[in-house]
Every structure is written in structure tokens, then in C-alpha cells.
Amino acid sequence: MDLREPPLRDTHDDAGAQFTDFGGWEMPVEFDSIRTEHAAVRESVGKFDVSHMGEIAVSGPDATALLNRLTTNDVAALDPGEAQYAAITDADGIMLDDTVVYNLPAGADAEYLFVPNAGHDGEMYERWVAHREEWGLDATVENRTTAYAIIAVQGPDAPDLLGGVTDVDLADMARFDISAGDVAGVDSLVARTGYTGEHGFELLCPWDDAETVWSALECQPCGLGARDTLRLEMGFLLSGQDFHPEDNPRTPYEADIGFVVKLDTEFVGRDALEGISVEGHESELVGLTLVDRGVPRHGYDVTTPDGDHLGTVTSGTMSPTLGEAIALAYLPVEYAEPDRSVRVVIRGEPKKARTTATPFLS
């Protein structure tokens, strides 16, 4: 199957980017080096093309009800211009995806927009339509993944950089706010969201205008390689790697995002998650910091010092900011407390590591 291409694919190629297949999309993984791009975001500002993320618009009289039944957070609590993080679960409470739900500002041509992960837009569109029909709700669902480009501008200098090309009052935007405005002459949505842990924004603009917005932001272009090291330093989940409904089925409680589960709403998976909230769960996503030399990678085993198997690394890297090896792994809940001694098996060698609270970077 041919890979899907973001609107800036040729622009990235001209800039010398290396590409990778991510969720069925041909995306830039690196422009200069992961370390250079990572440092730009932590120390100044960088920009990412994240147009591979999905966008599903939901509108109509029952839009709130439909979203509230298919996401774990309380969509009804959102005012126009606000967003929230949520999980999407099946009837057993297993995470199918995680997402950000935007209640769009007044004047937008839909009431809500939610953002599935790369390659999940078709599946989520079908899920929303099927449940709308099953429940007889009056809502319009549209897959707008190729209508919007998403450009993330992240880093401590992001407000100054973006402020020079937009009429949106960025100073008044709180975390998870979204506003409509002009960016480099293009009607866009400006969201105070991101995946790096830094001050920053995500810009949703028309697909065909992506080049105009991208070029107006004169800063370090960054690929998915730096995006991964940045998100891992913050302990943020990567769909398909830190959880997967078939290969690594996990509930929000296991994935340490129980704060997005609102049991006072009626959503698919609620009853199962209520039971787990009472009975508890056996394993949980835990941060690890290596004491010995080595770099933990996805799939590496985690054991006790005596060699008893505890779990498996889901994500791991050498942290460019901290200069030490870090990882995430599902371990028995008693290992969720910091400073427990474990071993990560790297190429057959057990390497000393300690459990660590996340985010790794404060």
C-alpha cells in the first residue's frame, strides 16, 4: 500500500529530511540531527509537521452526547475554546487510542474536533458513525484528516515566534485553550497544546496553505525522532507502542492516565473501568532510569535483581537533556514507587536500573 503523504512532503525533501513510515504516512524523522532538534525545542523553539494526526469533526444537536459516550473524559465540561485529553476505550476498558478533544471556538464550522493518532482516523470515523447509528443520535461526523494540516511550534521562545505572525492574543491562552485567528495570512485554529512538555502551540490550517504557515515560522525544523525523545522525557504515551488494543492491551489506569476517566459519565468501557477502580490493577506503566551503561529499547525484558521477569520496556532512549538512559515499562504496581532496584536485559546482559517517577524532566 502506498504511504500517505503530508502536504509538506516535498518541502521536507528539499530541506534534506530523512523519512520514515509512521502509521502509514511518509513523515520526516530527522532534518539535521535528533540531538540538535531536541535541544532547539528545549532551549529555544522548533517546528514539527504533524499532519499525519487525524482530525474528526463532530457537530449537531447530539454531538456532545456522542463524544461523551465514546471518550472517557467529560466533554460536557468543555466550554467553546477549550480542549481536554481523553482515552477511547472498548467495552472492557481497553484503550483503543488516546486523543485531544477540542470544543471549537464560536464561529467554527463544527462544534468539536478530536485528534486520533496517525493511521487511526478511518477506524475512529467508522466507530463514531456506527455508534451514532446504534444509539440514534443526531450528529454529523466528518473525517477531515486531509482537510487540515497540523504544525506544532514548541519551545520557550514559541510565543514570541508565533506572536510575530498571528493576530491571536497568545498571552491570554491557558494550557488546552484553542482560538481562531490569522497565522501568516491564513485562517487557522491556534491551540495551546503540544507533545513536548514545552510552552508551545499546535496550528491547524487548511491543507493547501501549510507551506505558507510553515515558511512563516523561521526556526529549527524537527522530525519525529526528536518528537519521540521529547515526549518520552515527559512520560507521554505513544499509541501503538506504550499501548495497543491487541499487542499490548491496557486500561487508562494501567497506562497511568486514570485522571482522564470520569466515572460519573456514561461511556463505552465505563462499567469495566469502575470495577477496576474498586478492585485495583496488577501492573502499571513505570519510569526507569538506567544505572549501568546501555540504552533500553522497546521489547527489552525487565527483571528483579534475581532475574525474575517483571515486565517489558515499551519505550526507551538516551535522554538528550538528562544525558542518561530512560524507559517506560509495565511492571507490578508495587514497583510504581520510585527507587526500586530492577534490571533491564540489554543484549542478554542484565543492566542495573531504578524505578523513577515521571515525567523524567521536571
Protein backbone atom coordinates (compact mmCIF):
# COMPACT_ATOMS: atom_id res chain seq x y z
CA MET A 1 0.00 0.00 0.00
CA ASP A 2 1.27 3.46 -0.90
CA LEU A 3 2.15 5.66 2.03
CA ARG A 4 0.05 8.74 2.66
CA GLU A 5 1.96 11.99 2.28
CA PRO A 6 1.66 15.19 4.34
CA PRO A 7 1.17 18.43 2.41
CA LEU A 8 4.74 19.50 3.19
CA ARG A 9 6.37 16.28 1.98
CA ASP A 10 8.26 17.94 -0.92
CA THR A 11 9.24 20.89 1.27
CA HIS A 12 10.79 18.50 3.78
CA ASP A 13 12.57 16.61 0.99
CA ASP A 14 14.06 19.87 -0.30
CA ALA A 15 15.28 20.58 3.24
CA GLY A 16 17.17 17.28 3.27
CA ALA A 17 14.91 15.42 5.66
CA GLN A 18 15.13 11.67 6.17
CA PHE A 19 11.75 9.96 6.06
CA THR A 20 10.08 7.04 7.80
CA ASP A 21 6.80 5.16 7.64
CA PHE A 22 4.75 6.19 10.66
CA GLY A 23 1.17 4.99 10.89
CA GLY A 24 1.01 4.60 7.11
CA TRP A 25 2.36 8.11 6.48
CA GLU A 26 5.69 9.10 4.94
CA MET A 27 6.92 11.52 7.58
CA PRO A 28 10.22 13.33 8.26
CA VAL A 29 12.10 11.61 11.07
CA GLU A 30 15.15 13.87 11.11
CA PHE A 31 16.33 17.08 9.41
CA ASP A 32 19.74 17.81 11.00
CA SER A 33 20.12 15.51 13.98
CA ILE A 34 17.79 14.36 16.72
CA ARG A 35 20.05 15.93 19.33
CA THR A 36 20.11 19.32 17.53
CA GLU A 37 16.36 19.33 17.02
CA HIS A 38 15.67 18.17 20.58
CA ALA A 39 17.90 20.92 22.02
CA ALA A 40 16.24 23.58 19.87
CA VAL A 41 12.87 22.76 21.42
CA ARG A 42 14.14 22.57 24.99
CA GLU A 43 16.28 25.73 24.72
CA SER A 44 14.58 27.96 22.11
CA VAL A 45 11.95 26.83 19.58
CA GLY A 46 11.36 24.22 16.90
CA LYS A 47 8.57 23.35 14.46
CA PHE A 48 7.07 19.96 13.60
CA ASP A 49 4.84 18.86 10.74
CA VAL A 50 2.32 16.57 12.47
CA SER A 51 -0.21 16.46 9.65
CA HIS A 52 -0.28 12.67 9.98
CA MET A 53 -2.50 13.08 13.04
CA GLY A 54 -6.19 12.54 12.34
CA GLU A 55 -8.96 15.11 12.65
CA ILE A 56 -12.59 14.09 13.08
CA ALA A 57 -15.23 16.85 13.26
CA VAL A 58 -18.47 16.24 15.15
CA SER A 59 -21.41 18.62 15.09
CA GLY A 60 -25.18 18.68 15.55
CA PRO A 61 -27.67 18.55 18.45
CA ASP A 62 -26.23 15.31 19.90
CA ALA A 63 -22.54 16.00 19.25
CA THR A 64 -21.76 16.35 22.96
CA ALA A 65 -23.65 13.17 23.81
CA LEU A 66 -21.87 11.17 21.10
CA LEU A 67 -18.42 12.32 22.19
CA ASN A 68 -19.24 11.78 25.86
CA ARG A 69 -20.21 8.17 25.16
CA LEU A 70 -17.07 7.40 23.16
CA THR A 71 -14.37 9.13 25.20
CA THR A 72 -13.54 8.66 28.88
CA ASN A 73 -13.36 12.32 29.88
CA ASP A 74 -16.33 14.64 30.42
CA VAL A 75 -16.80 16.51 27.15
CA ALA A 76 -19.81 18.35 28.59
CA ALA A 77 -17.44 20.20 30.93
CA LEU A 78 -15.76 21.93 27.99
CA ASP A 79 -16.71 25.47 27.03
CA PRO A 80 -16.14 26.66 23.46
CA GLY A 81 -12.43 27.36 23.07
CA GLU A 82 -11.33 24.62 25.47
CA ALA A 83 -9.82 21.17 24.98
CA GLN A 84 -9.17 18.07 27.04
CA TYR A 85 -7.11 14.89 26.87
CA ALA A 86 -9.07 11.62 26.84
CA ALA A 87 -8.86 7.91 26.16
CA ILE A 88 -11.06 5.93 23.78
CA THR A 89 -11.87 2.51 25.23
CA ASP A 90 -13.74 -0.65 24.29
CA ALA A 91 -16.38 -2.34 26.45
CA ASP A 92 -13.65 -3.98 28.54
CA GLY A 93 -12.00 -0.63 29.28
CA ILE A 94 -9.07 -1.39 26.96
CA MET A 95 -7.57 1.67 25.28
CA LEU A 96 -8.13 1.80 21.53
CA ASP A 97 -6.48 5.20 21.25
CA ASP A 98 -5.83 8.43 23.13
CA THR A 99 -6.91 11.79 21.83
CA VAL A 100 -7.40 15.50 22.42
CA VAL A 101 -10.98 16.74 22.07
CA TYR A 102 -11.40 20.39 21.10
CA ASN A 103 -14.64 22.26 21.73
CA LEU A 104 -14.06 24.70 18.90
CA PRO A 105 -14.41 28.45 19.39
CA ALA A 106 -17.63 30.15 18.34
CA GLY A 107 -17.89 30.65 14.59
CA ALA A 108 -16.10 27.43 13.63
CA ASP A 109 -17.90 25.22 11.12
CA ALA A 110 -18.14 22.34 13.60
CA GLU A 111 -18.68 22.16 17.32
CA TYR A 112 -16.00 19.61 18.16
CA LEU A 113 -12.81 18.30 16.62
CA PHE A 114 -10.94 15.36 18.06
CA VAL A 115 -7.50 14.17 17.03
CA PRO A 116 -6.88 10.41 16.74
CA ASN A 117 -3.34 9.15 16.32
CA ALA A 118 -1.72 8.61 12.91
CA GLY A 119 -3.46 5.91 10.92
CA HIS A 120 -6.47 5.74 13.27
CA ASP A 121 -8.66 8.33 11.55
CA GLY A 122 -10.56 5.84 9.37
CA GLU A 123 -11.16 3.44 12.26
CA MET A 124 -12.35 6.22 14.56
CA TYR A 125 -14.59 7.76 11.91
CA GLU A 126 -16.28 4.39 11.40
CA ARG A 127 -16.59 3.87 15.16
CA TRP A 128 -18.27 7.24 15.65
CA VAL A 129 -20.68 6.71 12.74
CA ALA A 130 -21.56 3.16 13.83
CA HIS A 131 -22.33 4.22 17.40
CA ARG A 132 -24.26 7.26 16.23
CA GLU A 133 -26.50 4.94 14.22
CA GLU A 134 -26.78 2.36 17.02
CA TRP A 135 -27.83 4.99 19.56
CA GLY A 136 -30.00 7.02 17.17
CA LEU A 137 -28.16 10.26 17.85
CA ASP A 138 -28.44 13.37 15.68
CA ALA A 139 -24.82 14.24 14.93
CA THR A 140 -22.72 14.82 11.84
CA VAL A 141 -19.31 13.11 11.75
CA GLU A 142 -16.68 14.11 9.19
CA ASN A 143 -13.16 12.81 8.64
CA ARG A 144 -11.16 15.98 7.97
CA THR A 145 -7.70 14.45 8.18
CA THR A 146 -6.74 15.68 4.70
CA ALA A 147 -8.53 19.00 5.14
CA TYR A 148 -6.26 20.22 7.95
CA ALA A 149 -2.50 20.37 8.22
CA ILE A 150 -1.13 20.50 11.77
CA ILE A 151 2.08 22.34 12.53
CA ALA A 152 3.40 22.31 16.10
CA VAL A 153 5.66 25.13 17.23
CA GLN A 154 7.21 24.23 20.58
CA GLY A 155 9.76 25.67 22.99
CA PRO A 156 10.25 28.56 25.40
CA ASP A 157 10.54 31.04 22.51
CA ALA A 158 7.42 29.73 20.74
CA PRO A 159 5.14 32.57 21.95
CA ASP A 160 7.50 35.24 20.63
CA LEU A 161 7.99 33.49 17.29
CA LEU A 162 4.33 32.73 16.72
CA GLY A 163 3.28 36.10 18.12
CA GLY A 164 5.07 37.77 15.23
CA VAL A 165 2.87 36.14 12.60
CA THR A 166 -0.54 35.84 14.23
CA ASP A 167 -3.26 38.17 15.48
CA VAL A 168 -4.27 35.69 18.22
CA ASP A 169 -3.57 37.03 21.73
CA LEU A 170 -1.29 34.21 22.85
CA ALA A 171 -0.69 35.73 26.30
CA ASP A 172 -4.33 35.14 27.22
CA MET A 173 -4.28 31.48 26.22
CA ALA A 174 -4.14 28.93 29.02
CA ARG A 175 -3.00 25.35 28.55
CA PHE A 176 -5.59 23.47 26.44
CA ASP A 177 -7.22 26.64 25.08
CA ILE A 178 -7.96 26.94 21.36
CA SER A 179 -8.67 30.14 19.40
CA ALA A 180 -9.36 31.05 15.78
CA GLY A 181 -7.25 33.64 14.07
CA ASP A 182 -4.88 34.67 11.32
CA VAL A 183 -1.49 32.98 11.05
CA ALA A 184 0.71 34.37 8.28
CA GLY A 185 -2.42 35.48 6.43
CA VAL A 186 -4.10 32.06 6.74
CA ASP A 187 -7.32 31.49 8.71
CA SER A 188 -6.24 28.92 11.31
CA LEU A 189 -7.01 27.39 14.67
CA VAL A 190 -4.34 28.02 17.30
CA ALA A 191 -4.29 25.54 20.20
CA ARG A 192 -2.20 25.85 23.34
CA THR A 193 -1.38 22.15 23.22
CA GLY A 194 1.64 20.03 22.36
CA TYR A 195 3.52 16.80 22.90
CA THR A 196 6.92 18.02 24.11
CA GLY A 197 6.25 19.39 27.59
CA GLU A 198 7.37 22.82 26.46
CA HIS A 199 5.45 26.04 26.08
CA GLY A 200 4.02 25.84 22.61
CA PHE A 201 1.14 25.71 20.20
CA GLU A 202 -0.41 23.48 17.57
CA LEU A 203 -1.70 25.23 14.45
CA LEU A 204 -4.49 23.71 12.38
CA CYS A 205 -4.62 25.33 8.97
CA PRO A 206 -6.08 24.37 5.59
CA TRP A 207 -4.11 21.56 3.94
CA ASP A 208 -3.26 23.65 0.87
CA ASP A 209 -1.94 26.56 2.98
CA ALA A 210 0.50 24.51 5.05
CA GLU A 211 3.53 25.82 3.15
CA THR A 212 2.61 29.44 3.91
CA VAL A 213 2.33 28.81 7.66
CA TRP A 214 5.38 26.54 7.81
CA SER A 215 7.61 29.03 5.99
CA ALA A 216 6.50 31.94 8.17
CA LEU A 217 7.84 30.17 11.27
CA GLU A 218 11.58 30.67 10.91
CA CYS A 219 13.06 28.18 13.33
CA GLN A 220 14.58 24.69 13.52
CA PRO A 221 12.51 22.09 11.63
CA CYS A 222 12.18 18.93 13.71
CA GLY A 223 11.29 15.36 12.80
CA LEU A 224 9.57 12.51 14.55
CA GLY A 225 12.87 11.37 16.08
CA ALA A 226 13.12 14.47 18.27
CA ARG A 227 9.38 14.37 18.91
CA ASP A 228 9.85 10.90 20.39
CA THR A 229 12.75 11.79 22.70
CA LEU A 230 10.95 14.95 23.85
CA ARG A 231 7.69 13.13 24.65
CA LEU A 232 9.49 10.31 26.39
CA GLU A 233 11.31 12.71 28.72
CA MET A 234 7.82 13.83 29.77
CA GLY A 235 6.48 10.27 30.09
CA PHE A 236 3.81 10.90 27.43
CA LEU A 237 2.25 7.81 25.83
CA LEU A 238 2.90 6.71 22.25
CA SER A 239 -0.11 4.92 20.79
CA GLY A 240 0.73 1.54 19.30
CA GLN A 241 3.90 1.28 21.37
CA ASP A 242 3.03 2.10 25.00
CA PHE A 243 -0.42 0.59 24.48
CA HIS A 244 -2.09 -1.37 21.70
CA PRO A 245 -5.55 -2.97 21.88
CA GLU A 246 -4.26 -6.32 20.56
CA ASP A 247 -0.48 -6.49 21.08
CA ASN A 248 -0.37 -4.71 24.45
CA PRO A 249 -3.93 -4.19 25.75
CA ARG A 250 -4.01 -1.69 28.63
CA THR A 251 -6.58 0.29 30.56
CA PRO A 252 -6.10 4.00 31.31
CA TYR A 253 -5.33 3.05 34.91
CA GLU A 254 -2.50 0.77 33.84
CA ALA A 255 -1.21 3.44 31.45
CA ASP A 256 -1.12 5.91 34.38
CA ILE A 257 -3.68 8.27 32.85
CA GLY A 258 -6.52 7.44 35.21
CA PHE A 259 -7.12 11.17 35.57
CA VAL A 260 -8.93 11.15 32.19
CA VAL A 261 -11.50 8.59 33.39
CA LYS A 262 -14.70 10.28 34.57
CA LEU A 263 -16.88 7.54 36.02
CA ASP A 264 -19.81 9.93 36.51
CA THR A 265 -20.32 9.90 32.73
CA GLU A 266 -21.70 7.00 30.66
CA PHE A 267 -19.10 5.92 28.11
CA VAL A 268 -18.18 2.65 26.41
CA GLY A 269 -15.98 0.81 28.90
CA ARG A 270 -17.22 2.73 31.95
CA ASP A 271 -18.58 -0.28 33.88
CA ALA A 272 -15.39 -2.28 33.34
CA LEU A 273 -13.25 0.64 34.48
CA GLU A 274 -15.45 1.23 37.53
CA GLY A 275 -14.81 -2.36 38.54
CA ILE A 276 -11.08 -1.97 38.06
CA SER A 277 -11.10 1.28 40.05
CA VAL A 278 -12.52 -0.67 43.00
CA GLU A 279 -10.61 -3.93 42.65
CA GLY A 280 -7.33 -2.35 41.53
CA HIS A 281 -4.99 -3.30 38.71
CA GLU A 282 -1.98 -5.57 38.76
CA SER A 283 0.52 -3.65 36.61
CA GLU A 284 1.25 -0.04 35.81
CA LEU A 285 3.42 1.99 33.45
CA VAL A 286 6.55 2.87 35.40
CA GLY A 287 9.54 5.08 34.62
CA LEU A 288 13.02 3.54 34.67
CA THR A 289 16.45 5.17 34.80
CA LEU A 290 19.45 3.03 33.98
CA VAL A 291 22.34 2.96 36.46
CA ASP A 292 24.63 0.86 34.27
CA ARG A 293 25.67 1.87 30.77
CA GLY A 294 23.29 0.93 27.97
CA VAL A 295 20.20 2.12 26.14
CA PRO A 296 16.87 0.40 26.82
CA ARG A 297 14.71 -0.26 23.77
CA HIS A 298 11.14 -1.37 23.08
CA GLY A 299 10.72 -5.06 23.86
CA TYR A 300 13.60 -5.47 26.31
CA ASP A 301 12.78 -7.52 29.40
CA VAL A 302 12.73 -6.06 32.90
CA THR A 303 13.57 -8.38 35.82
CA THR A 304 14.22 -8.35 39.54
CA PRO A 305 17.89 -8.36 40.63
CA ASP A 306 17.44 -12.15 40.97
CA GLY A 307 16.33 -12.50 37.37
CA ASP A 308 12.59 -12.97 37.86
CA HIS A 309 10.64 -11.48 34.96
CA LEU A 310 8.66 -8.32 35.84
CA GLY A 311 7.68 -6.78 32.53
CA THR A 312 8.82 -5.38 29.20
CA VAL A 313 10.12 -2.00 28.08
CA THR A 314 7.57 -0.19 25.89
CA SER A 315 9.67 2.92 25.14
CA GLY A 316 13.30 3.72 25.84
CA THR A 317 16.02 6.15 24.78
CA MET A 318 19.12 8.02 25.82
CA SER A 319 17.67 11.29 27.10
CA PRO A 320 19.40 14.18 25.28
CA THR A 321 18.51 16.61 28.07
CA LEU A 322 19.40 14.43 31.06
CA GLY A 323 22.27 12.54 29.48
CA GLU A 324 21.04 9.27 30.94
CA ALA A 325 19.09 6.29 29.66
CA ILE A 326 15.37 6.30 30.45
CA ALA A 327 12.48 3.96 29.71
CA LEU A 328 8.85 3.11 30.33
CA ALA A 329 7.70 -0.40 31.22
CA TYR A 330 4.61 -2.09 32.64
CA LEU A 331 5.61 -3.53 36.00
CA PRO A 332 3.69 -4.90 39.02
CA VAL A 333 2.06 -1.98 40.86
CA GLU A 334 4.36 -2.37 43.85
CA TYR A 335 7.17 -1.22 41.53
CA ALA A 336 5.34 2.04 40.77
CA GLU A 337 7.03 3.63 43.77
CA PRO A 338 10.36 5.33 42.96
CA ASP A 339 13.82 3.92 43.62
CA ARG A 340 13.06 0.22 43.37
CA SER A 341 16.05 -1.73 42.04
CA VAL A 342 15.41 -3.70 38.83
CA ARG A 343 17.34 -4.95 35.83
CA VAL A 344 16.84 -4.22 32.13
CA VAL A 345 18.14 -7.05 29.96
CA ILE A 346 20.13 -5.49 27.10
CA ARG A 347 21.57 -7.95 24.59
CA GLY A 348 21.41 -10.69 27.19
CA GLU A 349 23.09 -8.63 29.91
CA PRO A 350 21.10 -7.53 32.99
CA LYS A 351 21.75 -3.82 33.49
CA LYS A 352 21.04 -2.10 36.80
CA ALA A 353 18.12 0.33 36.74
CA ARG A 354 15.85 2.10 39.20
CA THR A 355 12.18 2.94 39.05
CA THR A 356 11.57 6.66 38.66
CA ALA A 357 8.56 8.93 38.87
CA THR A 358 7.53 10.50 35.58
CA PRO A 359 7.93 12.96 34.00
CA PHE A 360 11.66 12.32 33.94
CA LEU A 361 12.17 16.02 33.25
CA SER A 362 10.52 18.48 35.63
